[in-house]
């Protein structure tokens, strides 16, 4: 990166930083482009060299967080699937606590409207897909569907919970409900404990305190495919999933 590129990136980051600070405090309606530009120390016209709208600025704030989270998970090594997903979702919930709820709703809408064309949605999908693929390869997840499909299911659960949270007035307690919903899905997809002999990685604690145990799997959800491991393997799976 040459000097000119570095200067442009510094201005862009200043606009994002100051814009998100103002949006977190005042929301979209009460925050103007003039205020964001002034806080970043640039002219109003300079803002439009980087972003078309305040909404575009807000959407640009999430991809760097997801990239940092991807590196964090990679550095942790072979974490069990459930623990890795819990950590990812905990970090996302931390983000919801640092921004105005309007920003979360904006991202939900853009995710539905643009899908993979929305940068943060594309990064999140790639990250969850990789985690599901690793879980299948390690024998943690019995569901044999493509990991991309499993990732779409999990992302859909997260988006639905975020939307419900927003329309309920953004009350506290989002994380336990979100994790419980994902755990229920994983149980239906045939999640098993980490196979013996594999040591999971570790990550710094994320999100609020302990999460209550997940509810029992939905009886209407189709269970995992039949086991091919014989009676002993089937019996072990029954014990792990709370069966007889």
Foldseek 3Di string as FASTA:
>chain_A
DDPVVVVLVLLLVLLLVQLQQCCQVPNDVPDDLCNSQVSSPHHSVVVCVRDVDSLRSLLVPQPVVLVVLLVQQVVQPAAALLVSVLQVVLSVVVVCVSGHLVSLVSVLVCCVVPPCVRNNNVSQLVSQLVSQVSCVVQVQFQQPDRSSVVSVVLVVLVSVLSVVCVVVVNDPDSSLVSSLVVVLVRQQRQGFPGDPPDDGGDGPDGHDDDHDDHDQHDPPRHHGPDDPPPDVVVVVSCVRNVHD
